[in-house]
Amino acid sequence: MGILKDLRTSSRGAILVAIAAAAVGIIYGYDSSNIGGALDFISADFGITSEAEKGLLTSYVIFGEIFGAIVGGAFANRYGRKLMMVFVAATFTLFSLFSGLAWDVPSLAIARVLLGVAIGISIVVVPMYVAESAPTKIRGALLVMYQVATVFGIILGYLLAWGLAPSGNWRVMLGAAAVPGLVITLMLLRSPDTPRWYMMQGRRDDAVRVLGQIDPQADPSRELAVVEAELAEGRGRPSVLQGLGEMLRRPYLRAAFFVVMLGFFVQITGINAIVYYSPQIIKAMGFDSGDHMAIFGLPALVQVIGLIAVFVSMSLVDRMGRRPVLLTGIGIMVAAGAIMVVTFMFGAAGQDPTDVRLDGGFVALGFLGLVLFNVGFTFGFGALVWVYAGETFPSHLRGLGSSTMLTSDLVANFIVGVAFLPLLKSTGGAGVFAILGGLAIVAFLFVLKFAPETKGRPLDDISVYWKNGGKWPADVTGLIGVNDAERAGTGDAGGRA
């Protein structure tokens, strides 16, 4: 596989970037699935009976994620990408323990909101860290690596829920997340910050040192001259209001619209309904709640197959391109939605939608639909959201742009988290998956119209696309600075930010 060859020939510094990104992704994924495994046991302990209350309990973490995503970019600019990732891992450890020790619904809600703040910061900072550190030839793959780790964390959460299901010990399911959190905190302490952040702080010597570690073949003088020119153009670190003002006018208005809508489509198409509520979906297909192997083992298997799709995406994103990978993934999600509609419409015909008993053939078809839905997401949206979050804006707007994109993502996530179970109960599987499939079609058309192809483009040159009205010019030299033009003319493959 080409990406493995590229990684093997990359420097130790570039590999550390990949490890740092992957480490934080594990805790994000673990938290996404462990609440799904614990939900029924928590509900039984605390007397939660309505589907709306269960959806709200699952979604408390998203309140915190939205706040974390809003402030994450500004904090990363002020305190550094590395320090914020260490903060994320350490606070994740603390609040995971708090979740496991919760004594009632309000205390659990507080713990999960605080946990969400840490996660929200992480999903902004990690793409920035990777985009600003990785060599161009593997930048897309390393950004996808975060999704690989996220899916791996989801699988761990389901497997632990499966193992603990006979005892119903939801406290260990939630509190055990502190273990990877602590390990990852210690790992991150050894990682450097990004060359671009050092330059934003006026620490040129540190930038030169880290740049040499990441890419020994790079010319530090030329690379950092490009960074200096871009920082000067962007007036260093604008305030949040100044940054928003710049994003909401030309040339970056189109970019702002793109990231807000892409972030929204990533979640409104329903992937976290699958992650959070796979056990409930499996039960809706007719499995008994006491069949722990089916209720927790099948969701884990769905994610394992999805993990394979992420590796395929990672191998193609820097070769096949961003747009083809993304459109292929969304197309698979549309097909999966159609399969789920057929499964519940015909397999549950004449049955009470709240008490479905599918026969074996339709159960297999429904499982195939879940697998394809997850494969399509992890191959497309799941991989590419991190790529576009890290690539779309120039350095002085990258933090704020990532925050904006991922805040939109989390708002949609909250809508899905709260609405999915009541919709599943009221409309049955056919109705809810028809809605998700329709949204996936709209998302496909949006990406077809607005998503740029950034494969092989140095990071510092991507703003050219937005400055040229959403098109790549035949000659970029008229729209970039002297140092960029020199680099474009020499075919340099640098472009770290």
Protein backbone atom coordinates (compact mmCIF):
# COMPACT_ATOMS: atom_id res chain seq x y z
CA MET A 1 0.00 0.00 0.00
CA GLY A 2 1.48 3.33 -1.07
CA ILE A 3 0.68 5.20 2.13
CA LEU A 4 2.59 2.63 4.19
CA LYS A 5 5.62 3.19 1.98
CA ASP A 6 5.27 6.96 2.40
CA LEU A 7 5.03 6.60 6.18
CA ARG A 8 8.03 4.27 6.31
CA THR A 9 10.13 6.77 4.41
CA SER A 10 8.94 9.73 6.50
CA SER A 11 10.97 11.22 9.32
CA ARG A 12 10.59 10.30 12.96
CA GLY A 13 9.06 13.73 13.55
CA ALA A 14 6.34 13.11 10.96
CA ILE A 15 5.55 9.75 12.55
CA LEU A 16 5.21 11.44 15.95
CA VAL A 17 2.66 13.80 14.41
CA ALA A 18 0.62 10.78 13.29
CA ILE A 19 0.85 9.14 16.71
CA ALA A 20 -0.18 12.34 18.50
CA ALA A 21 -3.24 12.74 16.26
CA ALA A 22 -4.21 9.10 16.59
CA ALA A 23 -3.87 9.11 20.37
CA VAL A 24 -6.40 11.90 20.87
CA GLY A 25 -8.80 10.29 18.39
CA ILE A 26 -9.00 7.13 20.50
CA ILE A 27 -10.53 8.91 23.49
CA TYR A 28 -13.02 10.76 21.28
CA GLY A 29 -14.21 7.49 19.72
CA TYR A 30 -14.33 5.63 23.03
CA ASP A 31 -16.60 8.24 24.58
CA SER A 32 -18.93 8.12 21.56
CA SER A 33 -19.66 4.40 21.97
CA ASN A 34 -19.39 3.73 25.70
CA ILE A 35 -22.48 5.82 26.44
CA GLY A 36 -24.40 3.73 23.88
CA GLY A 37 -23.38 0.57 25.67
CA ALA A 38 -24.16 1.97 29.10
CA LEU A 39 -27.42 3.76 28.26
CA ASP A 40 -29.92 1.01 29.15
CA PHE A 41 -28.14 0.19 32.40
CA ILE A 42 -27.98 3.87 33.43
CA SER A 43 -31.66 4.27 32.57
CA ALA A 44 -32.57 1.28 34.75
CA ASP A 45 -30.52 2.57 37.71
CA PHE A 46 -31.84 6.14 37.54
CA GLY A 47 -35.41 5.34 36.48
CA ILE A 48 -35.26 6.94 33.01
CA THR A 49 -38.13 5.62 30.89
CA SER A 50 -38.85 7.96 27.96
CA GLU A 51 -36.91 7.87 24.69
CA ALA A 52 -36.59 11.67 24.77
CA GLU A 53 -34.90 11.56 28.19
CA LYS A 54 -32.52 8.86 26.98
CA GLY A 55 -31.65 10.97 23.94
CA LEU A 56 -31.01 14.00 26.14
CA LEU A 57 -28.79 11.99 28.49
CA THR A 58 -26.75 10.77 25.53
CA SER A 59 -26.51 14.31 24.15
CA TYR A 60 -25.37 16.16 27.27
CA VAL A 61 -21.78 15.67 26.13
CA ILE A 62 -22.59 17.58 22.93
CA PHE A 63 -23.40 20.76 24.90
CA GLY A 64 -19.84 20.71 26.17
CA GLU A 65 -18.43 19.80 22.75
CA ILE A 66 -20.10 22.83 21.19
CA PHE A 67 -18.53 25.14 23.78
CA GLY A 68 -15.15 23.42 23.39
CA ALA A 69 -15.30 23.74 19.60
CA ILE A 70 -16.15 27.46 19.86
CA VAL A 71 -13.19 28.28 22.12
CA GLY A 72 -10.77 25.61 20.87
CA GLY A 73 -9.28 27.63 18.02
CA ALA A 74 -8.66 30.73 20.12
CA PHE A 75 -7.12 28.65 22.93
CA ALA A 76 -4.90 26.81 20.45
CA ASN A 77 -3.62 30.13 19.07
CA ARG A 78 -2.96 31.54 22.53
CA TYR A 79 -1.55 28.53 24.37
CA GLY A 80 -0.32 26.29 21.55
CA ARG A 81 -1.57 23.20 19.76
CA LYS A 82 0.43 20.76 21.85
CA LEU A 83 -0.51 22.23 25.24
CA MET A 84 -4.20 22.12 24.36
CA MET A 85 -3.95 18.46 23.32
CA VAL A 86 -2.29 17.65 26.65
CA PHE A 87 -5.08 19.56 28.40
CA VAL A 88 -7.69 17.58 26.47
CA ALA A 89 -6.23 14.20 27.43
CA ALA A 90 -5.75 15.15 31.10
CA THR A 91 -9.25 16.57 31.56
CA PHE A 92 -10.75 13.63 29.67
CA THR A 93 -9.13 11.38 32.28
CA LEU A 94 -10.56 13.41 35.16
CA PHE A 95 -14.11 13.73 33.86
CA SER A 96 -14.30 10.09 32.77
CA LEU A 97 -13.73 9.16 36.41
CA PHE A 98 -16.34 11.72 37.44
CA SER A 99 -18.83 10.10 35.02
CA GLY A 100 -18.26 6.67 36.53
CA LEU A 101 -18.82 8.03 40.05
CA ALA A 102 -22.01 9.98 39.25
CA TRP A 103 -24.75 9.49 41.88
CA ASP A 104 -27.76 10.82 39.96
CA VAL A 105 -28.78 12.23 36.57
CA PRO A 106 -27.72 15.86 37.30
CA SER A 107 -24.22 14.81 38.44
CA LEU A 108 -23.82 12.58 35.38
CA ALA A 109 -25.04 15.42 33.16
CA ILE A 110 -22.42 17.80 34.64
CA ALA A 111 -19.66 15.23 34.17
CA ARG A 112 -20.62 14.62 30.55
CA VAL A 113 -20.87 18.30 29.73
CA LEU A 114 -17.36 18.87 31.11
CA LEU A 115 -16.14 15.80 29.21
CA GLY A 116 -17.65 17.31 26.11
CA VAL A 117 -15.67 20.54 26.54
CA ALA A 118 -12.43 18.56 26.37
CA ILE A 119 -13.60 16.60 23.34
CA GLY A 120 -14.81 19.76 21.57
CA ILE A 121 -11.40 21.35 21.95
CA SER A 122 -9.72 18.20 20.65
CA ILE A 123 -11.69 18.01 17.42
CA VAL A 124 -10.59 21.56 16.59
CA VAL A 125 -6.97 21.34 17.68
CA VAL A 126 -5.95 17.96 16.26
CA PRO A 127 -6.64 18.79 12.57
CA MET A 128 -4.76 22.09 13.06
CA TYR A 129 -1.82 20.28 14.62
CA VAL A 130 -1.57 17.73 11.82
CA ALA A 131 -2.15 20.18 8.95
CA GLU A 132 0.51 22.51 10.29
CA SER A 133 3.08 19.76 10.83
CA ALA A 134 2.68 17.08 8.19
CA PRO A 135 4.62 16.96 4.89
CA THR A 136 2.31 17.63 1.93
CA LYS A 137 2.60 14.14 0.42
CA ILE A 138 1.13 12.50 3.53
CA ARG A 139 -0.87 15.39 5.03
CA GLY A 140 -4.23 13.99 3.92
CA ALA A 141 -3.39 10.52 5.18
CA LEU A 142 -2.27 11.79 8.58
CA LEU A 143 -5.46 13.80 8.92
CA VAL A 144 -7.42 10.65 8.12
CA MET A 145 -5.37 8.86 10.80
CA TYR A 146 -7.44 10.74 13.38
CA GLN A 147 -10.57 9.03 12.05
CA VAL A 148 -8.79 5.66 12.16
CA ALA A 149 -8.11 6.20 15.84
CA THR A 150 -11.65 7.43 16.46
CA VAL A 151 -13.15 4.25 14.98
CA PHE A 152 -10.69 2.16 16.98
CA GLY A 153 -11.87 3.95 20.13
CA ILE A 154 -15.51 3.26 19.20
CA ILE A 155 -14.71 -0.43 18.86
CA LEU A 156 -13.03 -0.48 22.28
CA GLY A 157 -16.09 1.12 23.84
CA TYR A 158 -18.45 -1.50 22.39
CA LEU A 159 -16.17 -4.40 23.32
CA LEU A 160 -15.94 -3.24 26.91
CA ALA A 161 -19.74 -2.80 27.03
CA TRP A 162 -20.11 -6.36 25.70
CA GLY A 163 -17.79 -7.72 28.37
CA LEU A 164 -19.52 -5.85 31.20
CA ALA A 165 -23.10 -6.30 29.98
CA PRO A 166 -23.84 -9.40 32.10
CA SER A 167 -23.06 -7.40 35.25
CA GLY A 168 -24.69 -4.19 34.01
CA ASN A 169 -21.78 -2.22 35.47
CA TRP A 170 -22.16 1.05 33.57
CA ARG A 171 -19.87 2.86 36.02
CA VAL A 172 -16.87 0.85 34.85
CA MET A 173 -17.98 1.31 31.21
CA LEU A 174 -17.76 5.10 31.61
CA GLY A 175 -14.92 5.35 34.13
CA ALA A 176 -12.57 3.01 32.27
CA ALA A 177 -12.04 5.76 29.69
CA ALA A 178 -9.65 7.32 32.22
CA VAL A 179 -7.07 4.61 31.46
CA PRO A 180 -6.41 5.51 27.79
CA GLY A 181 -6.77 9.17 28.78
CA LEU A 182 -3.89 8.91 31.24
CA VAL A 183 -1.67 6.96 28.85
CA ILE A 184 -2.29 9.46 26.06
CA THR A 185 -1.53 12.41 28.36
CA LEU A 186 1.91 10.98 29.06
CA MET A 187 2.50 10.30 25.35
CA LEU A 188 1.59 13.83 24.29
CA LEU A 189 4.00 15.44 26.75
CA ARG A 190 6.86 14.37 24.46
CA SER A 191 5.46 15.83 21.24
CA PRO A 192 6.58 19.25 19.91
CA ASP A 193 4.31 22.12 18.89
CA THR A 194 3.98 23.12 15.22
CA PRO A 195 6.48 25.27 13.33
CA ARG A 196 3.73 27.72 12.45
CA TRP A 197 2.63 28.23 16.04
CA TYR A 198 6.24 28.92 17.03
CA MET A 199 6.41 31.50 14.26
CA MET A 200 3.19 33.10 15.50
CA GLN A 201 4.95 33.49 18.84
CA GLY A 202 8.13 34.91 17.31
CA ARG A 203 10.09 31.76 18.24
CA ARG A 204 11.89 31.23 14.94
CA ASP A 205 14.66 29.01 16.35
CA ASP A 206 12.09 26.56 17.71
CA ALA A 207 10.28 26.62 14.37
CA VAL A 208 13.52 25.79 12.52
CA ARG A 209 14.28 22.95 14.95
CA VAL A 210 10.85 21.31 14.69
CA LEU A 211 10.71 21.78 10.92
CA GLY A 212 14.02 19.92 10.65
CA GLN A 213 12.63 17.08 12.76
CA ILE A 214 9.48 16.76 10.66
CA ASP A 215 11.09 17.08 7.22
CA PRO A 216 14.89 17.00 7.12
CA GLN A 217 14.77 17.70 3.36
CA ALA A 218 12.93 21.00 3.78
CA ASP A 219 14.61 24.39 3.30
CA PRO A 220 13.79 26.17 6.59
CA SER A 221 14.55 29.64 5.25
CA ARG A 222 12.18 29.29 2.32
CA GLU A 223 9.47 27.46 4.28
CA LEU A 224 9.45 29.97 7.13
CA ALA A 225 9.61 32.95 4.77
CA VAL A 226 6.29 31.75 3.31
CA VAL A 227 4.86 31.45 6.81
CA GLU A 228 6.06 34.95 7.71
CA ALA A 229 4.50 36.41 4.57
CA GLU A 230 1.16 34.76 5.28
CA LEU A 231 1.17 35.84 8.92
CA ALA A 232 1.96 39.39 7.87
CA GLU A 233 -0.89 39.31 5.34
CA GLY A 234 -3.24 38.03 8.04
CA ARG A 235 -2.02 40.54 10.62
CA GLY A 236 -0.78 37.82 12.94
CA ARG A 237 -3.51 36.70 15.32
CA PRO A 238 -6.78 38.59 14.79
CA SER A 239 -9.35 38.75 17.56
CA VAL A 240 -12.35 36.44 17.29
CA LEU A 241 -14.57 39.28 16.06
CA GLN A 242 -11.96 40.40 13.54
CA GLY A 243 -11.52 36.84 12.35
CA LEU A 244 -15.27 36.31 11.97
CA GLY A 245 -15.49 39.58 10.08
CA GLU A 246 -12.77 38.43 7.68
CA MET A 247 -14.41 35.03 7.21
CA LEU A 248 -17.76 36.65 6.38
CA ARG A 249 -16.46 38.78 3.53
CA ARG A 250 -14.55 38.08 0.34
CA PRO A 251 -12.42 36.19 -0.40
CA TYR A 252 -13.24 33.80 2.47
CA LEU A 253 -17.05 34.06 2.58
CA ARG A 254 -17.37 31.10 0.21
CA ALA A 255 -14.92 29.12 2.34
CA ALA A 256 -16.90 29.93 5.50
CA PHE A 257 -20.15 28.80 3.84
CA PHE A 258 -18.46 25.60 2.69
CA VAL A 259 -17.10 24.59 6.09
CA VAL A 260 -20.29 25.45 7.98
CA MET A 261 -22.47 23.41 5.63
CA LEU A 262 -19.99 20.54 5.35
CA GLY A 263 -19.75 20.31 9.13
CA PHE A 264 -23.54 20.28 9.39
CA PHE A 265 -23.97 17.57 6.74
CA VAL A 266 -21.35 15.36 8.37
CA GLN A 267 -23.61 14.82 11.37
CA ILE A 268 -27.15 15.54 10.20
CA THR A 269 -26.90 12.54 7.88
CA GLY A 270 -26.95 10.43 11.04
CA ILE A 271 -23.67 8.63 11.71
CA ASN A 272 -23.76 9.26 15.44
CA ALA A 273 -27.26 7.81 15.56
CA ILE A 274 -25.54 4.61 14.49
CA VAL A 275 -22.71 5.02 17.00
CA TYR A 276 -24.82 6.11 19.98
CA TYR A 277 -27.85 3.94 19.36
CA SER A 278 -26.67 0.80 17.56
CA PRO A 279 -27.84 -1.36 20.48
CA GLN A 280 -31.30 0.22 20.22
CA ILE A 281 -31.35 -0.21 16.43
CA ILE A 282 -30.35 -3.86 16.80
CA LYS A 283 -33.18 -4.34 19.31
CA ALA A 284 -35.58 -2.59 16.89
CA MET A 285 -34.66 -5.26 14.34
CA GLY A 286 -36.03 -7.92 16.70
CA PHE A 287 -33.11 -9.04 18.87
CA ASP A 288 -33.81 -9.66 22.53
CA SER A 289 -32.23 -7.19 24.98
CA GLY A 290 -30.66 -10.14 26.82
CA ASP A 291 -28.73 -11.24 23.71
CA HIS A 292 -25.57 -9.35 24.60
CA MET A 293 -23.56 -10.83 21.76
CA ALA A 294 -26.00 -9.36 19.23
CA ILE A 295 -26.73 -6.10 21.06
CA PHE A 296 -23.06 -5.16 21.60
CA GLY A 297 -21.10 -7.57 19.41
CA LEU A 298 -22.83 -6.64 16.15
CA PRO A 299 -22.21 -2.87 16.60
CA ALA A 300 -18.54 -3.66 17.28
CA LEU A 301 -18.41 -5.75 14.10
CA VAL A 302 -20.00 -2.89 12.12
CA GLN A 303 -17.21 -0.60 13.34
CA VAL A 304 -14.45 -3.13 12.58
CA ILE A 305 -15.63 -3.27 8.97
CA GLY A 306 -15.81 0.53 8.97
CA LEU A 307 -12.21 0.65 10.20
CA ILE A 308 -11.13 -1.23 7.09
CA ALA A 309 -12.88 1.43 5.02
CA VAL A 310 -10.91 4.16 6.80
CA PHE A 311 -7.63 2.47 5.92
CA VAL A 312 -8.71 2.29 2.30
CA SER A 313 -9.65 5.98 2.41
CA MET A 314 -6.31 6.84 4.00
CA SER A 315 -4.48 5.10 1.17
CA LEU A 316 -6.45 6.95 -1.52
CA VAL A 317 -6.97 10.48 -0.20
CA ASP A 318 -3.55 11.73 -1.35
CA ARG A 319 -3.74 9.81 -4.65
CA MET A 320 -7.36 9.57 -5.77
CA GLY A 321 -8.15 13.01 -4.35
CA ARG A 322 -10.45 14.50 -1.71
CA ARG A 323 -13.59 14.96 -3.82
CA PRO A 324 -13.81 11.44 -5.34
CA VAL A 325 -13.27 9.84 -1.93
CA LEU A 326 -15.90 12.03 -0.29
CA LEU A 327 -18.49 11.61 -3.03
CA THR A 328 -18.00 7.84 -3.10
CA GLY A 329 -18.52 7.62 0.65
CA ILE A 330 -21.72 9.69 0.59
CA GLY A 331 -23.03 7.64 -2.34
CA ILE A 332 -22.59 4.47 -0.27
CA MET A 333 -24.52 6.13 2.59
CA VAL A 334 -27.41 6.89 0.22
CA ALA A 335 -27.52 3.24 -0.87
CA ALA A 336 -27.37 2.09 2.76
CA GLY A 337 -30.29 4.34 3.68
CA ALA A 338 -32.35 2.77 0.89
CA ILE A 339 -31.49 -0.72 2.16
CA MET A 340 -32.59 0.19 5.71
CA VAL A 341 -35.87 1.63 4.41
CA VAL A 342 -36.57 -1.60 2.48
CA THR A 343 -35.62 -3.67 5.53
CA PHE A 344 -38.07 -2.00 7.88
CA MET A 345 -40.79 -1.25 5.32
CA PHE A 346 -41.15 -4.82 4.08
CA GLY A 347 -39.59 -6.82 6.89
CA ALA A 348 -41.85 -5.16 9.47
CA ALA A 349 -44.96 -4.92 7.28
CA GLY A 350 -48.11 -5.22 9.41
CA GLN A 351 -46.17 -5.09 12.70
CA ASP A 352 -46.17 -2.57 15.48
CA PRO A 353 -43.15 -0.35 14.64
CA THR A 354 -42.22 -0.30 18.34
CA ASP A 355 -42.15 -4.13 18.53
CA VAL A 356 -40.66 -5.34 15.24
CA ARG A 357 -39.68 -8.96 14.69
CA LEU A 358 -37.82 -9.27 11.39
CA ASP A 359 -37.22 -12.69 9.89
CA GLY A 360 -33.71 -13.93 9.19
CA GLY A 361 -33.46 -12.60 5.64
CA PHE A 362 -34.44 -9.07 6.59
CA VAL A 363 -32.22 -9.13 9.68
CA ALA A 364 -29.26 -9.92 7.40
CA LEU A 365 -30.32 -7.15 5.03
CA GLY A 366 -30.61 -4.69 7.92
CA PHE A 367 -27.16 -5.62 9.17
CA LEU A 368 -25.79 -5.08 5.67
CA GLY A 369 -27.43 -1.65 5.65
CA LEU A 370 -25.80 -0.71 8.96
CA VAL A 371 -22.43 -1.91 7.70
CA LEU A 372 -22.70 0.05 4.45
CA PHE A 373 -23.89 3.18 6.24
CA ASN A 374 -20.87 3.07 8.52
CA VAL A 375 -18.47 2.12 5.71
CA GLY A 376 -19.73 5.00 3.57
CA PHE A 377 -19.34 7.47 6.40
CA THR A 378 -15.89 6.37 7.54
CA PHE A 379 -14.62 6.22 3.95
CA GLY A 380 -15.97 9.66 3.05
CA PHE A 381 -17.27 12.14 5.62
CA GLY A 382 -15.45 10.60 8.58
CA ALA A 383 -12.07 10.80 6.89
CA LEU A 384 -12.45 14.02 4.92
CA VAL A 385 -14.00 16.26 7.59
CA TRP A 386 -10.63 16.36 9.35
CA VAL A 387 -8.80 17.00 6.09
CA TYR A 388 -10.97 19.98 5.16
CA ALA A 389 -11.00 21.29 8.75
CA GLY A 390 -7.22 21.45 8.65
CA GLU A 391 -6.76 22.67 5.08
CA THR A 392 -9.47 25.19 4.22
CA PHE A 393 -8.30 28.44 5.84
CA PRO A 394 -4.93 30.24 6.01
CA SER A 395 -3.05 30.04 9.28
CA HIS A 396 -4.40 33.19 10.93
CA LEU A 397 -7.98 31.94 10.37
CA ARG A 398 -7.35 28.19 10.69
CA GLY A 399 -8.23 27.91 14.36
CA LEU A 400 -11.39 29.99 14.07
CA GLY A 401 -12.37 28.27 10.81
CA SER A 402 -11.97 24.82 12.37
CA SER A 403 -14.00 25.95 15.38
CA THR A 404 -16.76 27.25 13.12
CA MET A 405 -16.89 24.08 11.06
CA LEU A 406 -16.93 21.75 14.03
CA THR A 407 -19.44 23.85 15.96
CA SER A 408 -21.81 23.42 13.02
CA ASP A 409 -21.01 19.70 13.07
CA LEU A 410 -21.86 19.46 16.76
CA VAL A 411 -25.11 21.39 16.47
CA ALA A 412 -26.25 18.82 13.90
CA ASN A 413 -24.94 16.06 16.17
CA PHE A 414 -27.10 17.36 19.01
CA ILE A 415 -30.19 17.44 16.77
CA VAL A 416 -29.61 13.82 15.75
CA GLY A 417 -28.78 12.69 19.28
CA VAL A 418 -31.99 14.12 20.74
CA ALA A 419 -34.35 13.35 17.86
CA PHE A 420 -33.30 9.87 16.69
CA LEU A 421 -34.83 7.64 19.39
CA PRO A 422 -38.21 9.45 19.45
CA LEU A 423 -38.29 9.28 15.62
CA LEU A 424 -37.39 5.59 15.67
CA LYS A 425 -40.23 4.94 18.09
CA SER A 426 -42.81 7.08 16.28
CA THR A 427 -42.03 6.38 12.60
CA GLY A 428 -40.24 3.05 12.79
CA GLY A 429 -36.97 2.25 11.07
CA ALA A 430 -38.32 2.95 7.57
CA GLY A 431 -39.29 6.52 8.40
CA VAL A 432 -36.14 7.55 10.21
CA PHE A 433 -33.79 6.03 7.61
CA ALA A 434 -35.77 7.62 4.78
CA ILE A 435 -35.07 10.99 6.39
CA LEU A 436 -31.35 10.22 6.79
CA GLY A 437 -31.09 8.93 3.23
CA GLY A 438 -32.73 12.06 1.86
CA LEU A 439 -30.30 14.25 3.78
CA ALA A 440 -27.40 12.21 2.37
CA ILE A 441 -28.62 12.96 -1.17
CA VAL A 442 -28.64 16.69 -0.39
CA ALA A 443 -25.13 16.37 1.08
CA PHE A 444 -23.89 14.64 -2.10
CA LEU A 445 -25.17 17.51 -4.25
CA PHE A 446 -23.60 20.08 -1.93
CA VAL A 447 -20.16 18.43 -2.06
CA LEU A 448 -20.41 18.07 -5.84
CA LYS A 449 -20.99 21.81 -6.13
CA PHE A 450 -18.73 23.34 -3.48
CA ALA A 451 -15.91 21.03 -2.30
CA PRO A 452 -12.43 21.96 -3.60
CA GLU A 453 -9.87 19.38 -4.66
CA THR A 454 -6.75 20.11 -2.58
CA LYS A 455 -4.76 16.96 -3.37
CA GLY A 456 -1.08 17.78 -3.76
CA ARG A 457 -1.56 21.50 -3.05
CA PRO A 458 0.88 23.06 -0.58
CA LEU A 459 -1.07 24.20 2.45
CA ASP A 460 -0.10 27.84 2.02
CA ASP A 461 -1.51 27.91 -1.53
CA ILE A 462 -5.02 26.63 -0.81
CA SER A 463 -6.29 30.14 -0.06
CA VAL A 464 -5.74 30.81 -3.79
CA TYR A 465 -8.81 28.69 -4.54
CA TRP A 466 -11.05 30.96 -2.45
CA LYS A 467 -9.43 34.15 -3.72
CA ASN A 468 -10.24 33.02 -7.26
CA GLY A 469 -13.98 32.58 -6.56
CA GLY A 470 -13.94 28.85 -5.85
CA LYS A 471 -11.79 27.78 -8.81
CA TRP A 472 -8.15 26.89 -9.23
CA PRO A 473 -6.48 29.40 -11.57
CA ALA A 474 -4.27 28.18 -14.38
CA ASP A 475 -1.42 30.27 -12.95
CA VAL A 476 -1.31 30.69 -9.16
CA THR A 477 1.58 33.14 -9.15
CA GLY A 478 -0.63 36.17 -9.57
CA LEU A 479 -2.57 35.40 -6.42
CA ILE A 480 0.17 34.39 -3.99
CA GLY A 481 3.23 36.04 -2.57
CA VAL A 482 6.73 36.04 -3.98
CA ASN A 483 7.92 33.20 -1.82
CA ASP A 484 4.87 31.11 -2.72
CA ALA A 485 5.47 31.81 -6.40
CA GLU A 486 9.09 30.76 -6.09
CA ARG A 487 8.03 27.54 -4.41
CA ALA A 488 5.29 26.85 -6.94
CA GLY A 489 7.82 27.31 -9.74
CA THR A 490 10.32 24.91 -8.19
CA GLY A 491 7.75 22.20 -7.59
CA ASP A 492 8.53 22.11 -3.89
CA ALA A 493 6.37 19.64 -2.01
CA GLY A 494 6.50 21.50 1.29
CA GLY A 495 3.74 23.65 2.51
CA ARG A 496 3.44 22.81 6.16
CA ALA A 497 1.72 25.57 8.02
